[in-house]
Amino acid sequence: MDPTLLEAFERLIAVARQDTGQGKRVAAFILAWWNAGANGGFDLSDLFALDASTCEDLITVFSVLARSPRAIYPDDYEQEIHALAARWRPRTGRGRRRQDASLRN
């Protein structure tokens, strides 16, 4: 994983572990990236409830993903994502990553 992406993602994971409104919103972003079909999407209006540095980390992740010629997932963080899914999506979140062929031609 790109070092810039990795640093931003690790900060986001730390926020998502917190029992706060920000934690819930950041977890929604991470879980939507991992598998929006199973875990739900990310509401862009949630950005208004995040502090500036957390928004910058979301922007970093989103920008790197948008520029990548292939799908990128934080596979090395599967256990952490499973824990987030169990905490924030107890009924639906199984933490299973979307299995997709390249989404870009």
C-alpha atoms as a PDB file:
ATOM      1  CA  MET A   1       0.000   0.000   0.000  1.00  0.00           C
ATOM      2  CA  ASP A   2       1.208   3.491  -0.847  1.00  0.00           C
ATOM      3  CA  PRO A   3       2.902   5.047   2.250  1.00  0.00           C
ATOM      4  CA  THR A   4       0.694   8.149   2.122  1.00  0.00           C
ATOM      5  CA  LEU A   5      -2.420   5.988   1.904  1.00  0.00           C
ATOM      6  CA  LEU A   6      -1.167   3.731   4.690  1.00  0.00           C
ATOM      7  CA  GLU A   7      -0.499   6.613   7.091  1.00  0.00           C
ATOM      8  CA  ALA A   8      -3.907   8.193   6.454  1.00  0.00           C
ATOM      9  CA  PHE A   9      -5.666   4.835   6.745  1.00  0.00           C
ATOM     10  CA  GLU A  10      -3.976   3.989  10.049  1.00  0.00           C
ATOM     11  CA  ARG A  11      -5.113   7.312  11.503  1.00  0.00           C
ATOM     12  CA  LEU A  12      -8.639   6.605  10.256  1.00  0.00           C
ATOM     13  CA  ILE A  13      -8.624   3.135  11.841  1.00  0.00           C
ATOM     14  CA  ALA A  14      -7.654   4.732  15.153  1.00  0.00           C
ATOM     15  CA  VAL A  15     -10.590   7.161  14.903  1.00  0.00           C
ATOM     16  CA  ALA A  16     -12.999   4.382  13.853  1.00  0.00           C
ATOM     17  CA  ARG A  17     -12.141   2.440  17.024  1.00  0.00           C
ATOM     18  CA  GLN A  18     -13.375   5.328  19.191  1.00  0.00           C
ATOM     19  CA  ASP A  19     -16.856   5.247  20.668  1.00  0.00           C
ATOM     20  CA  THR A  20     -17.741   8.665  19.261  1.00  0.00           C
ATOM     21  CA  GLY A  21     -19.781  10.154  16.451  1.00  0.00           C
ATOM     22  CA  GLN A  22     -16.580  10.630  14.496  1.00  0.00           C
ATOM     23  CA  GLY A  23     -15.654   7.013  15.099  1.00  0.00           C
ATOM     24  CA  LYS A  24     -19.008   5.835  13.772  1.00  0.00           C
ATOM     25  CA  ARG A  25     -18.721   8.009  10.657  1.00  0.00           C
ATOM     26  CA  VAL A  26     -15.142   7.016   9.882  1.00  0.00           C
ATOM     27  CA  ALA A  27     -16.048   3.365  10.389  1.00  0.00           C
ATOM     28  CA  ALA A  28     -18.847   3.840   7.844  1.00  0.00           C
ATOM     29  CA  PHE A  29     -16.283   5.141   5.330  1.00  0.00           C
ATOM     30  CA  ILE A  30     -13.899   2.229   5.921  1.00  0.00           C
ATOM     31  CA  LEU A  31     -16.666  -0.373   5.841  1.00  0.00           C
ATOM     32  CA  ALA A  32     -18.120   1.124   2.653  1.00  0.00           C
ATOM     33  CA  TRP A  33     -14.690   0.883   1.026  1.00  0.00           C
ATOM     34  CA  TRP A  34     -14.322  -2.713   2.189  1.00  0.00           C
ATOM     35  CA  ASN A  35     -17.771  -3.810   0.997  1.00  0.00           C
ATOM     36  CA  ALA A  36     -20.548  -1.247   0.579  1.00  0.00           C
ATOM     37  CA  GLY A  37     -23.017  -3.894  -0.557  1.00  0.00           C
ATOM     38  CA  ALA A  38     -22.772  -5.742   2.749  1.00  0.00           C
ATOM     39  CA  ASN A  39     -21.863  -2.897   5.098  1.00  0.00           C
ATOM     40  CA  GLY A  40     -23.727   0.096   3.694  1.00  0.00           C
ATOM     41  CA  GLY A  41     -22.465   3.197   1.999  1.00  0.00           C
ATOM     42  CA  PHE A  42     -20.890   6.401   3.238  1.00  0.00           C
ATOM     43  CA  ASP A  43     -23.079   9.482   3.558  1.00  0.00           C
ATOM     44  CA  LEU A  44     -21.106  12.476   2.280  1.00  0.00           C
ATOM     45  CA  SER A  45     -22.991  14.761   4.656  1.00  0.00           C
ATOM     46  CA  ASP A  46     -21.125  12.967   7.463  1.00  0.00           C
ATOM     47  CA  LEU A  47     -18.090  15.026   6.440  1.00  0.00           C
ATOM     48  CA  PHE A  48     -19.694  18.004   8.194  1.00  0.00           C
ATOM     49  CA  ALA A  49     -19.405  16.164  11.525  1.00  0.00           C
ATOM     50  CA  LEU A  50     -15.689  15.371  11.204  1.00  0.00           C
ATOM     51  CA  ASP A  51     -12.741  17.487  12.203  1.00  0.00           C
ATOM     52  CA  ALA A  52     -10.515  18.909   9.481  1.00  0.00           C
ATOM     53  CA  SER A  53      -7.597  16.505   9.957  1.00  0.00           C
ATOM     54  CA  THR A  54      -9.887  13.483   9.746  1.00  0.00           C
ATOM     55  CA  CYS A  55     -11.470  14.893   6.584  1.00  0.00           C
ATOM     56  CA  GLU A  56      -7.991  15.349   5.121  1.00  0.00           C
ATOM     57  CA  ASP A  57      -7.252  11.676   5.768  1.00  0.00           C
ATOM     58  CA  LEU A  58     -10.514  10.683   4.048  1.00  0.00           C
ATOM     59  CA  ILE A  59      -9.579  12.899   1.104  1.00  0.00           C
ATOM     60  CA  THR A  60      -6.139  11.290   0.937  1.00  0.00           C
ATOM     61  CA  VAL A  61      -7.598   7.792   0.845  1.00  0.00           C
ATOM     62  CA  PHE A  62     -10.244   8.747  -1.688  1.00  0.00           C
ATOM     63  CA  SER A  63      -7.703  10.535  -3.920  1.00  0.00           C
ATOM     64  CA  VAL A  64      -5.289   7.614  -3.974  1.00  0.00           C
ATOM     65  CA  LEU A  65      -8.124   5.196  -4.758  1.00  0.00           C
ATOM     66  CA  ALA A  66      -9.467   7.449  -7.505  1.00  0.00           C
ATOM     67  CA  ARG A  67      -6.096   7.626  -9.236  1.00  0.00           C
ATOM     68  CA  SER A  68      -5.296   3.929  -8.976  1.00  0.00           C
ATOM     69  CA  PRO A  69      -5.599   1.879 -12.168  1.00  0.00           C
ATOM     70  CA  ARG A  70      -6.838  -1.079 -10.099  1.00  0.00           C
ATOM     71  CA  ALA A  71      -8.983  -1.662  -7.034  1.00  0.00           C
ATOM     72  CA  ILE A  72      -7.086  -1.269  -3.767  1.00  0.00           C
ATOM     73  CA  TYR A  73      -8.275  -2.731  -0.484  1.00  0.00           C
ATOM     74  CA  PRO A  74      -6.579  -2.688   2.939  1.00  0.00           C
ATOM     75  CA  ASP A  75      -6.242  -6.472   3.023  1.00  0.00           C
ATOM     76  CA  ASP A  76      -3.511  -6.370   5.679  1.00  0.00           C
ATOM     77  CA  TYR A  77      -6.092  -4.863   8.048  1.00  0.00           C
ATOM     78  CA  GLU A  78      -8.748  -7.523   7.629  1.00  0.00           C
ATOM     79  CA  GLN A  79      -8.923  -8.320  11.366  1.00  0.00           C
ATOM     80  CA  GLU A  80      -9.351  -4.650  12.270  1.00  0.00           C
ATOM     81  CA  ILE A  81     -12.083  -4.281   9.656  1.00  0.00           C
ATOM     82  CA  HIS A  82     -13.857  -7.377  10.957  1.00  0.00           C
ATOM     83  CA  ALA A  83     -13.781  -5.796  14.419  1.00  0.00           C
ATOM     84  CA  LEU A  84     -15.215  -2.540  13.042  1.00  0.00           C
ATOM     85  CA  ALA A  85     -17.965  -4.451  11.248  1.00  0.00           C
ATOM     86  CA  ALA A  86     -18.836  -6.365  14.418  1.00  0.00           C
ATOM     87  CA  ARG A  87     -18.969  -3.141  16.411  1.00  0.00           C
ATOM     88  CA  TRP A  88     -20.683  -0.764  14.009  1.00  0.00           C
ATOM     89  CA  ARG A  89     -22.664  -3.194  11.826  1.00  0.00           C
ATOM     90  CA  PRO A  90     -23.575  -6.009  14.227  1.00  0.00           C
ATOM     91  CA  ARG A  91     -26.552  -7.200  12.157  1.00  0.00           C
ATOM     92  CA  THR A  92     -25.108  -7.027   8.676  1.00  0.00           C
ATOM     93  CA  GLY A  93     -21.364  -6.567   8.870  1.00  0.00           C
ATOM     94  CA  ARG A  94     -19.407  -9.709   8.490  1.00  0.00           C
ATOM     95  CA  GLY A  95     -16.352  -7.835   7.338  1.00  0.00           C
ATOM     96  CA  ARG A  96     -16.094  -9.796   4.118  1.00  0.00           C
ATOM     97  CA  ARG A  97     -14.307  -7.821   1.421  1.00  0.00           C
ATOM     98  CA  ARG A  98     -15.963  -7.362  -1.909  1.00  0.00           C
ATOM     99  CA  GLN A  99     -14.496  -9.776  -4.407  1.00  0.00           C
ATOM    100  CA  ASP A 100     -14.389  -8.003  -7.708  1.00  0.00           C
ATOM    101  CA  ALA A 101     -12.534  -8.175 -10.916  1.00  0.00           C
ATOM    102  CA  SER A 102     -10.867  -4.985 -11.924  1.00  0.00           C
ATOM    103  CA  LEU A 103     -13.547  -2.321 -11.969  1.00  0.00           C
ATOM    104  CA  ARG A 104     -11.655  -0.281 -14.510  1.00  0.00           C
ATOM    105  CA  ASN A 105     -11.029  -1.169 -18.101  1.00  0.00           C
END
